[in-house]
Structures are given as C-alpha cells and as structure tokens.
Amino acid sequence: MKLSVITDEISGEFEHALDVMLEYGVKGAELRGLWGTNIAELSDEQMERAKKALDERGMMVSCIASPLYKCDLYGETGDAAGQTHGATARNMDEQIAMLERCARMADFFGTKFIRIFAFWKRGELTDNIESDIVVALREGAAKAESLGVILGLENEHACYIGTGAQAARVIKAVGSPALKAVWDPGNAFCAGELPYPDGYDAVKADMVHFHIKDAVCGEDGNKFVCIGDGVIDFWGQLRALKADGYDGYISLETHFKPGGAAEEGSRLCLAALNEMMASLH
C-alpha cells in the first residue's frame, strides 16, 4: 500500500502542498484543485507547471480527482447538493466531453484512474433512479474503455450512490472493466452505512483506490476529525486492506480543518496515518 494526498486538502498552492507531503514521506499526489483551479479546467500551461513540480520531486499522480457526474441526473437546475471544489457546474450533456479531457490529463500525468460520482442526490434512491444511473454510467464506462482509462466511482453521501453496498450494485450492473470503485469509508459513514466491515465487504472486490477521512457524530451532524480520533474502525480497515493484498493508494482527503486550518489538519492526519501504517509491518 502506498500513501497519497488530495493536494488541495493541504493547500491550493500546489508546490507547497507537495513539499508538505514529502515531509511525511508521501510520494503520491491526487489532483483535484491546483492554484484555485479545478483539475477539469487546468490550462495547458498549468498542466505543464504541475508536471514539472511533480517530476522535480520524484512524485507520482495516484488519481485524477475529477468532478465527473457530480451533476443532476435529470437536468434539474437547482443548486449543487454538495461540495464542487471549484468545478464549474455542467449538465449531463457535457459529461462525455469532460471525460475525454480528463482522460487526456490522466495520460499526461501517468495514471489510469479518474474519480467519478453518481449524480446529486435529489431525494431517496429508488430502483428506477438506480437503473437510470446504470444507463448513464454504462455510456461513460464504454467511452473510458475506448480511451484506456478506468473510472473509479466514489461513494459520496451528497450523491445518490453514497454507500459501499450501493456502489457495488451499480458497478456490477454496469458490467464494464472500466468502472471500478473508489472506496471512501468516511462518506459511507455520513450516508448511514457501517463502513467497516459492512461497506468494505460489499465493495472490496471492485476497489481500485481508497480515500481516508475520519468522523464523529455531533449535535449538528457529522463532523470530520483527525484520523484515528473518530468512530470509523480504521485499524480494522487497514489490517483488512493488508490481508486482502491491496497494493494501491491510500489517499488522504481529511476534510479536517482545526480552527479552519486545512494544512494543520492534514499534517495531524498524516502523522497519525504514518503511525498506523508503521504498525501494520
């Protein structure tokens, strides 16, 4: 298993984020927001600058953390139902074009993986809605196959597919080698699922990438905390990843910002995560 960080969880200043990661021995960078620009909207000049910064530090890209399919399934025009991380709102008709651009980015940065979602949640997930999601993602997966990339469906509680069990059902129904899972236990917890072992057991056969964040239940809803301080059984989860032979990235997406300080939250999480990883050996 290798460590990665979604870089803008540390700082939007990309080079600084990379330098912080190196302090903790992290060589994998997941790209979402760079210099205030969402990954799907980087200019060619920004891409070249990012590649130069990575190469100078001997770092690799673990995943393109795109906003693909973080849109409305049925063309609603309401506000976003969750975080967009600076991405411009796009409708269904624009998703394949964005997928093609993200695939070119994946090739440029030397990764096969593009993170995607399954549409803003505008009510309860029904059988009909799930069937429509399968149809939409089947089109995207077919395009991904032709482009030689793998789409990683992240379970996201602000989207229709928020749990490991739901992600596993959709991936199985789509039936494409180009659609796999980005497993996020923190999001599963927020969606009401027991992340480990329940969600993990459902999705592990399809998992190609792993996001780590911890959380607790608070009076005002769920709250993100330092890795190891929440209620998610990450000790059991990490041991299971090792036992199951997972050799991909564990990518920090902490959302933990003590006093509003994203870098401090990421530093605390990286220190805790390094201790946890060391204990597995």
Protein backbone atom coordinates (compact mmCIF):
# COMPACT_ATOMS: atom_id res chain seq x y z
CA MET A 1 0.00 0.00 0.00
CA LYS A 2 1.18 3.49 -0.88
CA LEU A 3 0.23 6.87 0.59
CA SER A 4 -1.28 9.72 -1.38
CA VAL A 5 -2.95 13.05 -0.59
CA ILE A 6 -5.54 15.09 -2.44
CA THR A 7 -3.21 18.05 -2.64
CA ASP A 8 -5.69 20.87 -2.09
CA GLU A 9 -6.60 19.32 1.26
CA ILE A 10 -3.24 20.81 2.30
CA SER A 11 -3.08 23.91 0.14
CA GLY A 12 -4.23 25.27 -3.19
CA GLU A 13 -0.61 26.26 -3.78
CA PHE A 14 0.41 23.03 -5.48
CA GLU A 15 4.16 23.17 -4.99
CA HIS A 16 3.77 23.93 -1.29
CA ALA A 17 1.35 21.04 -0.87
CA LEU A 18 3.86 18.68 -2.49
CA ASP A 19 6.63 19.88 -0.19
CA VAL A 20 4.47 19.26 2.88
CA MET A 21 3.68 15.76 1.62
CA LEU A 22 7.37 14.99 1.20
CA GLU A 23 7.95 15.89 4.86
CA TYR A 24 5.80 12.86 5.69
CA GLY A 25 7.28 10.58 3.05
CA VAL A 26 4.26 10.76 0.75
CA LYS A 27 5.05 10.36 -2.95
CA GLY A 28 1.52 10.01 -4.39
CA ALA A 29 -0.47 13.11 -5.39
CA GLU A 30 -4.17 13.05 -6.17
CA LEU A 31 -5.10 16.05 -8.30
CA ARG A 32 -8.33 17.97 -7.66
CA GLY A 33 -7.65 21.69 -7.15
CA LEU A 34 -4.41 23.43 -8.16
CA TRP A 35 -3.82 27.17 -7.69
CA GLY A 36 -7.56 27.70 -7.25
CA THR A 37 -8.43 25.86 -10.46
CA ASN A 38 -10.34 22.60 -10.60
CA ILE A 39 -8.47 19.75 -12.29
CA ALA A 40 -11.03 19.55 -15.12
CA GLU A 41 -10.29 23.15 -16.04
CA LEU A 42 -6.50 23.35 -15.90
CA SER A 43 -4.87 25.13 -18.80
CA ASP A 44 -2.08 23.50 -20.78
CA GLU A 45 0.37 25.86 -19.06
CA GLN A 46 -0.90 24.81 -15.62
CA MET A 47 -0.62 21.16 -16.57
CA GLU A 48 2.98 21.65 -17.62
CA ARG A 49 3.75 23.52 -14.40
CA ALA A 50 2.19 20.74 -12.31
CA LYS A 51 4.07 18.01 -14.18
CA LYS A 52 7.34 19.88 -13.72
CA ALA A 53 6.71 20.24 -9.96
CA LEU A 54 5.96 16.53 -9.63
CA ASP A 55 8.95 15.43 -11.68
CA GLU A 56 11.35 17.67 -9.76
CA ARG A 57 10.24 15.98 -6.52
CA GLY A 58 10.10 12.43 -7.83
CA MET A 59 6.36 12.19 -7.19
CA MET A 60 3.60 10.31 -8.99
CA VAL A 61 -0.07 11.04 -9.64
CA SER A 62 -2.33 8.49 -7.98
CA CYS A 63 -5.64 9.61 -9.47
CA ILE A 64 -7.36 12.42 -11.34
CA ALA A 65 -10.00 13.54 -8.80
CA SER A 66 -12.44 14.84 -11.37
CA PRO A 67 -15.97 16.19 -10.79
CA LEU A 68 -17.37 13.85 -13.46
CA TYR A 69 -21.06 13.05 -12.98
CA LYS A 70 -21.31 15.41 -10.00
CA CYS A 71 -24.28 16.87 -11.77
CA ASP A 72 -28.04 16.39 -11.95
CA LEU A 73 -29.26 13.12 -13.41
CA TYR A 74 -32.45 14.56 -14.85
CA GLY A 75 -31.43 18.05 -15.85
CA GLU A 76 -32.56 19.87 -12.69
CA THR A 77 -31.32 23.42 -12.40
CA GLY A 78 -31.10 23.64 -8.62
CA ASP A 79 -28.01 24.40 -6.60
CA ALA A 80 -25.30 21.83 -6.05
CA ALA A 81 -26.17 19.36 -3.31
CA GLY A 82 -22.60 19.16 -2.01
CA GLN A 83 -19.02 20.35 -2.47
CA THR A 84 -17.84 21.14 -6.01
CA HIS A 85 -14.25 22.13 -5.09
CA GLY A 86 -14.27 24.94 -7.61
CA ALA A 87 -15.61 22.93 -10.54
CA THR A 88 -17.87 24.72 -13.00
CA ALA A 89 -21.39 23.27 -12.98
CA ARG A 90 -22.02 21.12 -16.05
CA ASN A 91 -25.10 19.25 -17.17
CA MET A 92 -25.41 15.66 -18.34
CA ASP A 93 -24.77 16.56 -21.96
CA GLU A 94 -21.29 17.86 -21.09
CA GLN A 95 -20.01 14.86 -19.15
CA ILE A 96 -18.57 12.81 -22.02
CA ALA A 97 -16.60 15.79 -23.32
CA MET A 98 -15.22 16.35 -19.81
CA LEU A 99 -14.36 12.65 -19.58
CA GLU A 100 -12.37 12.91 -22.80
CA ARG A 101 -10.44 15.88 -21.41
CA CYS A 102 -9.78 14.12 -18.10
CA ALA A 103 -8.57 11.05 -19.97
CA ARG A 104 -6.02 13.19 -21.78
CA MET A 105 -4.94 14.56 -18.40
CA ALA A 106 -4.64 11.06 -16.97
CA ASP A 107 -2.36 10.09 -19.84
CA PHE A 108 -0.32 13.27 -19.42
CA PHE A 109 0.16 12.69 -15.68
CA GLY A 110 0.79 8.96 -15.97
CA THR A 111 -2.25 7.47 -14.25
CA LYS A 112 -5.12 5.27 -15.42
CA PHE A 113 -7.58 6.30 -12.73
CA ILE A 114 -10.24 9.02 -12.92
CA ARG A 115 -12.53 9.50 -9.93
CA ILE A 116 -16.23 10.00 -10.72
CA PHE A 117 -19.54 10.30 -8.84
CA ALA A 118 -23.16 9.27 -9.33
CA PHE A 119 -25.25 12.45 -9.53
CA TRP A 120 -26.54 14.91 -6.95
CA LYS A 121 -28.98 13.34 -4.56
CA ARG A 122 -32.37 15.00 -5.02
CA GLY A 123 -34.37 12.58 -2.89
CA GLU A 124 -34.32 8.94 -1.94
CA LEU A 125 -32.60 6.43 -4.21
CA THR A 126 -35.28 4.33 -5.94
CA ASP A 127 -34.98 1.31 -8.20
CA ASN A 128 -35.87 3.48 -11.20
CA ILE A 129 -33.27 6.10 -10.35
CA GLU A 130 -30.64 3.43 -9.83
CA SER A 131 -31.50 1.93 -13.22
CA ASP A 132 -31.08 5.34 -14.86
CA ILE A 133 -27.73 5.80 -13.12
CA VAL A 134 -26.59 2.46 -14.53
CA VAL A 135 -27.58 3.52 -18.04
CA ALA A 136 -25.72 6.83 -17.73
CA LEU A 137 -22.56 5.31 -16.27
CA ARG A 138 -22.60 2.50 -18.82
CA GLU A 139 -22.15 5.15 -21.52
CA GLY A 140 -19.27 6.71 -19.59
CA ALA A 141 -17.64 3.34 -18.97
CA ALA A 142 -17.84 2.45 -22.66
CA LYS A 143 -16.10 5.72 -23.51
CA ALA A 144 -13.50 5.07 -20.81
CA GLU A 145 -12.79 1.62 -22.28
CA SER A 146 -12.13 3.20 -25.68
CA LEU A 147 -9.82 5.78 -24.07
CA GLY A 148 -7.87 3.27 -22.00
CA VAL A 149 -8.73 4.71 -18.57
CA ILE A 150 -10.54 3.36 -15.51
CA LEU A 151 -13.35 5.28 -13.85
CA GLY A 152 -13.40 4.99 -10.07
CA LEU A 153 -16.91 5.52 -8.72
CA GLU A 154 -16.61 7.23 -5.34
CA ASN A 155 -19.41 6.63 -2.85
CA GLU A 156 -20.43 10.18 -1.88
CA HIS A 157 -23.19 10.96 0.61
CA ALA A 158 -24.25 14.09 -1.31
CA CYS A 159 -24.85 11.91 -4.37
CA TYR A 160 -27.30 9.06 -4.98
CA ILE A 161 -24.61 6.41 -4.53
CA GLY A 162 -23.29 7.03 -1.04
CA THR A 163 -22.52 3.61 0.40
CA GLY A 164 -20.27 0.71 -0.47
CA ALA A 165 -23.26 -1.56 -0.99
CA GLN A 166 -24.86 0.86 -3.45
CA ALA A 167 -21.60 1.35 -5.35
CA ALA A 168 -21.11 -2.40 -5.62
CA ARG A 169 -24.61 -2.87 -7.05
CA VAL A 170 -24.16 -0.18 -9.68
CA ILE A 171 -20.69 -1.37 -10.72
CA LYS A 172 -21.97 -4.93 -11.11
CA ALA A 173 -24.97 -3.76 -13.14
CA VAL A 174 -22.82 -1.64 -15.48
CA GLY A 175 -20.59 -4.65 -16.02
CA SER A 176 -17.58 -2.87 -17.50
CA PRO A 177 -13.89 -3.43 -16.71
CA ALA A 178 -13.53 0.35 -16.96
CA LEU A 179 -15.81 1.05 -13.97
CA LYS A 180 -14.42 0.26 -10.54
CA ALA A 181 -14.74 1.70 -7.02
CA VAL A 182 -13.07 4.47 -5.06
CA TRP A 183 -13.91 3.34 -1.54
CA ASP A 184 -14.46 6.16 0.97
CA PRO A 185 -15.38 4.88 4.46
CA GLY A 186 -15.92 8.43 5.74
CA ASN A 187 -18.54 9.14 3.09
CA ALA A 188 -20.18 5.78 3.78
CA PHE A 189 -20.43 6.70 7.46
CA CYS A 190 -22.10 10.00 6.54
CA ALA A 191 -24.53 8.07 4.32
CA GLY A 192 -25.56 5.86 7.26
CA GLU A 193 -23.58 2.73 6.45
CA LEU A 194 -21.23 0.90 8.83
CA PRO A 195 -18.04 1.44 6.79
CA TYR A 196 -16.03 -1.46 8.14
CA PRO A 197 -16.70 -4.27 7.80
CA ASP A 198 -20.09 -3.86 6.05
CA GLY A 199 -19.37 -1.32 3.32
CA TYR A 200 -15.88 -2.60 2.67
CA ASP A 201 -17.01 -6.20 2.37
CA ALA A 202 -19.56 -5.13 -0.25
CA VAL A 203 -17.20 -3.10 -2.40
CA LYS A 204 -13.74 -4.61 -1.91
CA ALA A 205 -13.83 -6.84 -4.99
CA ASP A 206 -14.20 -3.73 -7.17
CA MET A 207 -11.94 -1.30 -5.27
CA VAL A 208 -9.01 0.30 -7.10
CA HIS A 209 -8.46 3.39 -4.92
CA PHE A 210 -9.06 4.32 -1.28
CA HIS A 211 -9.91 7.65 0.36
CA ILE A 212 -9.35 8.09 4.08
CA LYS A 213 -11.10 10.56 6.38
CA ASP A 214 -12.46 10.08 9.90
CA ALA A 215 -15.62 11.41 11.50
CA VAL A 216 -17.79 11.52 14.62
CA CYS A 217 -21.48 12.09 15.20
CA GLY A 218 -22.14 15.56 16.59
CA GLU A 219 -25.16 17.52 17.76
CA ASP A 220 -25.15 19.42 14.48
CA GLY A 221 -24.48 16.38 12.30
CA ASN A 222 -21.35 14.51 11.39
CA LYS A 223 -18.00 16.18 11.97
CA PHE A 224 -14.65 15.30 10.40
CA VAL A 225 -11.76 14.73 12.81
CA CYS A 226 -8.15 13.57 12.81
CA ILE A 227 -7.57 10.05 11.54
CA GLY A 228 -7.93 7.69 14.49
CA ASP A 229 -9.99 10.10 16.61
CA GLY A 230 -13.32 9.24 15.00
CA VAL A 231 -15.68 6.30 15.17
CA ILE A 232 -14.62 4.56 11.94
CA ASP A 233 -12.63 1.39 12.58
CA PHE A 234 -9.59 2.31 10.52
CA TRP A 235 -7.37 -0.10 12.44
CA GLY A 236 -9.57 -2.95 11.27
CA GLN A 237 -9.94 -1.43 7.80
CA LEU A 238 -6.19 -1.03 7.24
CA ARG A 239 -5.46 -4.52 8.53
CA ALA A 240 -8.10 -5.86 6.14
CA LEU A 241 -6.54 -4.00 3.21
CA LYS A 242 -3.19 -5.56 4.00
CA ALA A 243 -4.66 -9.04 4.50
CA ASP A 244 -6.55 -8.77 1.21
CA GLY A 245 -3.40 -7.84 -0.68
CA TYR A 246 -4.44 -4.31 -1.64
CA ASP A 247 -1.44 -2.69 -3.31
CA GLY A 248 -2.98 0.59 -4.45
CA TYR A 249 -3.01 4.04 -2.88
CA ILE A 250 -4.46 5.16 0.43
CA SER A 251 -5.26 8.79 -0.32
CA LEU A 252 -5.86 11.34 2.43
CA GLU A 253 -8.95 13.50 1.94
CA THR A 254 -9.22 14.59 5.52
CA HIS A 255 -11.76 17.49 5.42
CA PHE A 256 -10.44 18.05 8.98
CA LYS A 257 -9.61 21.75 9.44
CA PRO A 258 -8.93 22.58 13.10
CA GLY A 259 -9.63 26.28 13.51
CA GLY A 260 -10.15 26.46 9.77
CA ALA A 261 -6.54 25.43 9.07
CA ALA A 262 -6.51 22.83 6.30
CA GLU A 263 -2.74 22.35 6.33
CA GLU A 264 -2.65 21.77 10.08
CA GLY A 265 -5.45 19.20 9.81
CA SER A 266 -3.65 17.37 7.03
CA ARG A 267 -0.36 17.41 8.96
CA LEU A 268 -2.01 15.90 12.03
CA CYS A 269 -3.69 13.26 9.89
CA LEU A 270 -0.51 12.40 8.01
CA ALA A 271 1.40 11.95 11.27
CA ALA A 272 -1.36 9.71 12.63
CA LEU A 273 -1.64 7.76 9.39
CA ASN A 274 2.10 7.14 9.23
CA GLU A 275 1.96 5.69 12.76
CA MET A 276 -0.95 3.45 11.80
CA MET A 277 0.77 2.26 8.64
CA ALA A 278 4.01 1.54 10.53
CA SER A 279 2.11 -0.64 12.98
CA LEU A 280 0.96 -2.90 10.14
CA HIS A 281 4.51 -4.03 9.35
